[in-house]
PDB file of all heavy atoms in Angstrom:
ATOM      1  N   GLY A   1       4.780 -14.946  19.837  1.00  0.00           N
ATOM      2  CA  GLY A   1       3.482 -14.751  19.436  1.00  0.00           C
ATOM      3  C   GLY A   1       3.372 -13.550  18.524  1.00  0.00           C
ATOM      4  O   GLY A   1       2.733 -13.586  17.468  1.00  0.00           O
ATOM      5  N   LEU A   2       4.024 -12.450  18.837  1.00  0.00           N
ATOM      6  CA  LEU A   2       3.936 -11.267  18.084  1.00  0.00           C
ATOM      7  C   LEU A   2       4.661 -11.490  16.728  1.00  0.00           C
ATOM      8  O   LEU A   2       4.137 -10.899  15.674  1.00  0.00           O
ATOM      9  CB  LEU A   2       4.649 -10.111  18.877  1.00  0.00           C
ATOM     10  CG  LEU A   2       3.942  -9.570  20.029  1.00  0.00           C
ATOM     11  CD1 LEU A   2       4.677  -8.534  20.837  1.00  0.00           C
ATOM     12  CD2 LEU A   2       2.606  -8.881  19.559  1.00  0.00           C
ATOM     13  N   LEU A   3       5.776 -12.192  16.747  1.00  0.00           N
ATOM     14  CA  LEU A   3       6.494 -12.427  15.505  1.00  0.00           C
ATOM     15  C   LEU A   3       5.674 -13.292  14.650  1.00  0.00           C
ATOM     16  O   LEU A   3       5.629 -13.093  13.328  1.00  0.00           O
ATOM     17  CB  LEU A   3       7.846 -13.147  15.861  1.00  0.00           C
ATOM     18  CG  LEU A   3       8.712 -13.431  14.578  1.00  0.00           C
ATOM     19  CD1 LEU A   3       9.085 -12.274  13.832  1.00  0.00           C
ATOM     20  CD2 LEU A   3      10.054 -14.138  15.022  1.00  0.00           C
ATOM     21  N   ILE A   4       5.000 -14.342  15.139  1.00  0.00           N
ATOM     22  CA  ILE A   4       4.194 -15.239  14.409  1.00  0.00           C
ATOM     23  C   ILE A   4       3.048 -14.441  13.684  1.00  0.00           C
ATOM     24  O   ILE A   4       2.619 -14.614  12.500  1.00  0.00           O
ATOM     25  CB  ILE A   4       3.685 -16.368  15.208  1.00  0.00           C
ATOM     26  CG1 ILE A   4       4.694 -17.249  15.699  1.00  0.00           C
ATOM     27  CG2 ILE A   4       2.633 -17.178  14.440  1.00  0.00           C
ATOM     28  CD1 ILE A   4       4.293 -18.347  16.739  1.00  0.00           C
ATOM     29  N   ALA A   5       2.386 -13.507  14.594  1.00  0.00           N
ATOM     30  CA  ALA A   5       1.306 -12.793  14.138  1.00  0.00           C
ATOM     31  C   ALA A   5       1.745 -11.872  12.944  1.00  0.00           C
ATOM     32  O   ALA A   5       0.959 -11.630  12.016  1.00  0.00           O
ATOM     33  CB  ALA A   5       0.735 -11.959  15.217  1.00  0.00           C
ATOM     34  N   LEU A   6       2.901 -11.190  13.153  1.00  0.00           N
ATOM     35  CA  LEU A   6       3.475 -10.342  12.081  1.00  0.00           C
ATOM     36  C   LEU A   6       3.669 -11.141  10.687  1.00  0.00           C
ATOM     37  O   LEU A   6       3.322 -10.648   9.662  1.00  0.00           O
ATOM     38  CB  LEU A   6       4.783  -9.759  12.417  1.00  0.00           C
ATOM     39  CG  LEU A   6       5.593  -8.899  11.405  1.00  0.00           C
ATOM     40  CD1 LEU A   6       4.664  -7.663  11.006  1.00  0.00           C
ATOM     41  CD2 LEU A   6       6.944  -8.424  11.937  1.00  0.00           C
ATOM     42  N   ILE A   7       4.084 -12.275  10.807  1.00  0.00           N
ATOM     43  CA  ILE A   7       4.392 -13.115   9.666  1.00  0.00           C
ATOM     44  C   ILE A   7       2.965 -13.393   8.936  1.00  0.00           C
ATOM     45  O   ILE A   7       2.778 -13.449   7.812  1.00  0.00           O
ATOM     46  CB  ILE A   7       5.159 -14.329   9.908  1.00  0.00           C
ATOM     47  CG1 ILE A   7       6.512 -14.043  10.273  1.00  0.00           C
ATOM     48  CG2 ILE A   7       5.124 -15.303   8.721  1.00  0.00           C
ATOM     49  CD1 ILE A   7       7.336 -15.206  11.019  1.00  0.00           C
ATOM     50  N   GLY A   8       1.964 -13.816   9.852  1.00  0.00           N
ATOM     51  CA  GLY A   8       0.562 -14.138   9.380  1.00  0.00           C
ATOM     52  C   GLY A   8      -0.007 -12.792   8.660  1.00  0.00           C
ATOM     53  O   GLY A   8      -0.657 -12.977   7.605  1.00  0.00           O
ATOM     54  N   LEU A   9       0.199 -11.700   9.175  1.00  0.00           N
ATOM     55  CA  LEU A   9      -0.322 -10.385   8.669  1.00  0.00           C
ATOM     56  C   LEU A   9       0.369 -10.163   7.280  1.00  0.00           C
ATOM     57  O   LEU A   9      -0.184  -9.683   6.281  1.00  0.00           O
ATOM     58  CB  LEU A   9      -0.037  -9.300   9.561  1.00  0.00           C
ATOM     59  CG  LEU A   9      -1.018  -9.278  10.771  1.00  0.00           C
ATOM     60  CD1 LEU A   9      -0.535  -8.284  11.864  1.00  0.00           C
ATOM     61  CD2 LEU A   9      -2.469  -9.114  10.461  1.00  0.00           C
ATOM     62  N   GLN A  10       1.732 -10.518   7.231  1.00  0.00           N
ATOM     63  CA  GLN A  10       2.389 -10.382   5.906  1.00  0.00           C
ATOM     64  C   GLN A  10       1.828 -11.280   4.887  1.00  0.00           C
ATOM     65  O   GLN A  10       1.616 -10.867   3.695  1.00  0.00           O
ATOM     66  CB  GLN A  10       3.838 -10.685   6.168  1.00  0.00           C
ATOM     67  CG  GLN A  10       4.610  -9.495   6.842  1.00  0.00           C
ATOM     68  CD  GLN A  10       6.060  -9.832   6.975  1.00  0.00           C
ATOM     69  OE1 GLN A  10       6.367 -10.979   7.347  1.00  0.00           O
ATOM     70  NE2 GLN A  10       6.870  -8.942   6.680  1.00  0.00           N
ATOM     71  N   ASN A  11       1.470 -12.562   5.202  1.00  0.00           N
ATOM     72  CA  ASN A  11       1.059 -13.517   4.393  1.00  0.00           C
ATOM     73  C   ASN A  11      -0.339 -13.194   3.718  1.00  0.00           C
ATOM     74  O   ASN A  11      -0.699 -13.626   2.686  1.00  0.00           O
ATOM     75  CB  ASN A  11       0.985 -14.961   4.961  1.00  0.00           C
ATOM     76  CG  ASN A  11       2.371 -15.424   5.145  1.00  0.00           C
ATOM     77  OD1 ASN A  11       3.381 -15.014   4.567  1.00  0.00           O
ATOM     78  ND2 ASN A  11       2.552 -16.571   5.852  1.00  0.00           N
ATOM     79  N   THR A  12      -1.093 -12.417   4.526  1.00  0.00           N
ATOM     80  CA  THR A  12      -2.389 -12.070   4.053  1.00  0.00           C
ATOM     81  C   THR A  12      -2.282 -10.710   3.160  1.00  0.00           C
ATOM     82  O   THR A  12      -3.195 -10.457   2.434  1.00  0.00           O
ATOM     83  CB  THR A  12      -3.401 -11.723   5.167  1.00  0.00           C
ATOM     84  OG1 THR A  12      -2.904 -10.602   5.878  1.00  0.00           O
ATOM     85  CG2 THR A  12      -3.559 -13.002   6.106  1.00  0.00           C
ATOM     86  N   GLY A  13      -1.156 -10.076   3.294  1.00  0.00           N
ATOM     87  CA  GLY A  13      -1.082  -8.833   2.575  1.00  0.00           C
ATOM     88  C   GLY A  13      -1.613  -7.581   3.373  1.00  0.00           C
ATOM     89  O   GLY A  13      -1.627  -6.553   2.865  1.00  0.00           O
ATOM     90  N   ILE A  14      -2.110  -7.859   4.640  1.00  0.00           N
ATOM     91  CA  ILE A  14      -2.564  -6.704   5.393  1.00  0.00           C
ATOM     92  C   ILE A  14      -1.459  -5.759   5.825  1.00  0.00           C
ATOM     93  O   ILE A  14      -1.540  -4.606   5.901  1.00  0.00           O
ATOM     94  CB  ILE A  14      -3.312  -7.342   6.721  1.00  0.00           C
ATOM     95  CG1 ILE A  14      -4.559  -8.016   6.230  1.00  0.00           C
ATOM     96  CG2 ILE A  14      -3.667  -6.172   7.681  1.00  0.00           C
ATOM     97  CD1 ILE A  14      -5.326  -8.808   7.400  1.00  0.00           C
ATOM     98  N   VAL A  15      -0.251  -6.419   6.172  1.00  0.00           N
ATOM     99  CA  VAL A  15       0.925  -5.640   6.405  1.00  0.00           C
ATOM    100  C   VAL A  15       2.023  -5.820   5.359  1.00  0.00           C
ATOM    101  O   VAL A  15       2.245  -6.964   4.915  1.00  0.00           O
ATOM    102  CB  VAL A  15       1.506  -5.989   7.750  1.00  0.00           C
ATOM    103  CG1 VAL A  15       2.858  -5.423   7.971  1.00  0.00           C
ATOM    104  CG2 VAL A  15       0.558  -5.721   8.952  1.00  0.00           C
ATOM    105  N   VAL A  16       2.464  -4.732   4.728  1.00  0.00           N
ATOM    106  CA  VAL A  16       3.392  -4.841   3.679  1.00  0.00           C
ATOM    107  C   VAL A  16       4.687  -3.914   3.921  1.00  0.00           C
ATOM    108  O   VAL A  16       4.583  -3.112   4.901  1.00  0.00           O
ATOM    109  CB  VAL A  16       2.796  -4.393   2.367  1.00  0.00           C
ATOM    110  CG1 VAL A  16       1.667  -5.265   1.879  1.00  0.00           C
ATOM    111  CG2 VAL A  16       2.406  -2.897   2.402  1.00  0.00           C
ATOM    112  N   ALA A  17       5.707  -4.116   3.311  1.00  0.00           N
ATOM    113  CA  ALA A  17       6.896  -3.306   3.490  1.00  0.00           C
ATOM    114  C   ALA A  17       6.728  -1.887   2.916  1.00  0.00           C
ATOM    115  O   ALA A  17       5.956  -1.655   1.974  1.00  0.00           O
ATOM    116  CB  ALA A  17       8.113  -3.955   2.783  1.00  0.00           C
ATOM    117  N   ASN A  18       7.364  -1.000   3.537  1.00  0.00           N
ATOM    118  CA  ASN A  18       7.311   0.438   3.089  1.00  0.00           C
ATOM    119  C   ASN A  18       8.744   1.083   3.403  1.00  0.00           C
ATOM    120  O   ASN A  18       9.253   0.999   4.552  1.00  0.00           O
ATOM    121  CB  ASN A  18       6.308   1.129   3.897  1.00  0.00           C
ATOM    122  CG  ASN A  18       6.064   2.598   3.431  1.00  0.00           C
ATOM    123  OD1 ASN A  18       6.921   3.468   3.576  1.00  0.00           O
ATOM    124  ND2 ASN A  18       4.936   2.883   2.777  1.00  0.00           N
ATOM    125  N   PRO A  19       9.280   1.643   2.419  1.00  0.00           N
ATOM    126  CA  PRO A  19      10.687   2.153   2.566  1.00  0.00           C
ATOM    127  C   PRO A  19      10.830   3.234   3.589  1.00  0.00           C
ATOM    128  O   PRO A  19      11.859   3.543   4.224  1.00  0.00           O
ATOM    129  CB  PRO A  19      11.167   2.497   1.179  1.00  0.00           C
ATOM    130  CG  PRO A  19       9.950   2.653   0.383  1.00  0.00           C
ATOM    131  CD  PRO A  19       8.878   1.755   0.989  1.00  0.00           C
ATOM    132  N   ALA A  20       9.636   4.012   3.662  1.00  0.00           N
ATOM    133  CA  ALA A  20       9.701   5.187   4.541  1.00  0.00           C
ATOM    134  C   ALA A  20       9.394   4.889   5.997  1.00  0.00           C
ATOM    135  O   ALA A  20      10.026   5.436   6.933  1.00  0.00           O
ATOM    136  CB  ALA A  20       8.755   6.171   4.025  1.00  0.00           C
ATOM    137  N   THR A  21       8.349   4.046   6.190  1.00  0.00           N
ATOM    138  CA  THR A  21       7.928   3.748   7.552  1.00  0.00           C
ATOM    139  C   THR A  21       8.197   2.258   8.020  1.00  0.00           C
ATOM    140  O   THR A  21       7.763   1.810   9.067  1.00  0.00           O
ATOM    141  CB  THR A  21       6.455   3.964   7.651  1.00  0.00           C
ATOM    142  OG1 THR A  21       5.660   3.143   6.721  1.00  0.00           O
ATOM    143  CG2 THR A  21       6.156   5.442   7.357  1.00  0.00           C
ATOM    144  N   MET A  22       8.903   1.533   7.199  1.00  0.00           N
ATOM    145  CA  MET A  22       9.261   0.145   7.352  1.00  0.00           C
ATOM    146  C   MET A  22       8.116  -0.790   7.082  1.00  0.00           C
ATOM    147  O   MET A  22       8.141  -1.787   6.366  1.00  0.00           O
ATOM    148  CB  MET A  22       9.971  -0.066   8.745  1.00  0.00           C
ATOM    149  CG  MET A  22      11.198   0.521   8.894  1.00  0.00           C
ATOM    150  SD  MET A  22      12.071   0.076  10.473  1.00  0.00           S
ATOM    151  CE  MET A  22      11.051   0.946  11.657  1.00  0.00           C
ATOM    152  N   VAL A  23       6.899  -0.512   7.572  1.00  0.00           N
ATOM    153  CA  VAL A  23       5.748  -1.287   7.499  1.00  0.00           C
ATOM    154  C   VAL A  23       4.637  -0.315   7.082  1.00  0.00           C
ATOM    155  O   VAL A  23       4.517   0.865   7.463  1.00  0.00           O
ATOM    156  CB  VAL A  23       5.384  -2.188   8.655  1.00  0.00           C
ATOM    157  CG1 VAL A  23       6.404  -3.304   8.814  1.00  0.00           C
ATOM    158  CG2 VAL A  23       5.162  -1.289   9.857  1.00  0.00           C
ATOM    159  N   ALA A  24       3.540  -0.904   6.407  1.00  0.00           N
ATOM    160  CA  ALA A  24       2.341  -0.177   6.058  1.00  0.00           C
ATOM    161  C   ALA A  24       1.188  -1.088   5.836  1.00  0.00           C
ATOM    162  O   ALA A  24       1.356  -2.319   5.870  1.00  0.00           O
ATOM    163  CB  ALA A  24       2.554   0.719   4.778  1.00  0.00           C
ATOM    164  N   VAL A  25       0.000  -0.551   5.649  1.00  0.00           N
ATOM    165  CA  VAL A  25      -1.177  -1.357   5.462  1.00  0.00           C
ATOM    166  C   VAL A  25      -1.306  -1.598   3.942  1.00  0.00           C
ATOM    167  O   VAL A  25      -1.059  -0.713   3.067  1.00  0.00           O
ATOM    168  CB  VAL A  25      -2.372  -0.633   5.803  1.00  0.00           C
ATOM    169  CG1 VAL A  25      -3.747  -1.421   5.477  1.00  0.00           C
ATOM    170  CG2 VAL A  25      -2.480  -0.360   7.344  1.00  0.00           C
TER     171      VAL A  25
END
C-alpha cells in the first residue's frame, strides 16, 4: 500500500525526486 501510494504521489507531481534528499515536494 505504501509503495502504491508513493507511485500515485509521483504521478500527480506531489512527490518528486531530489538529489540531496532523495524526495521532495
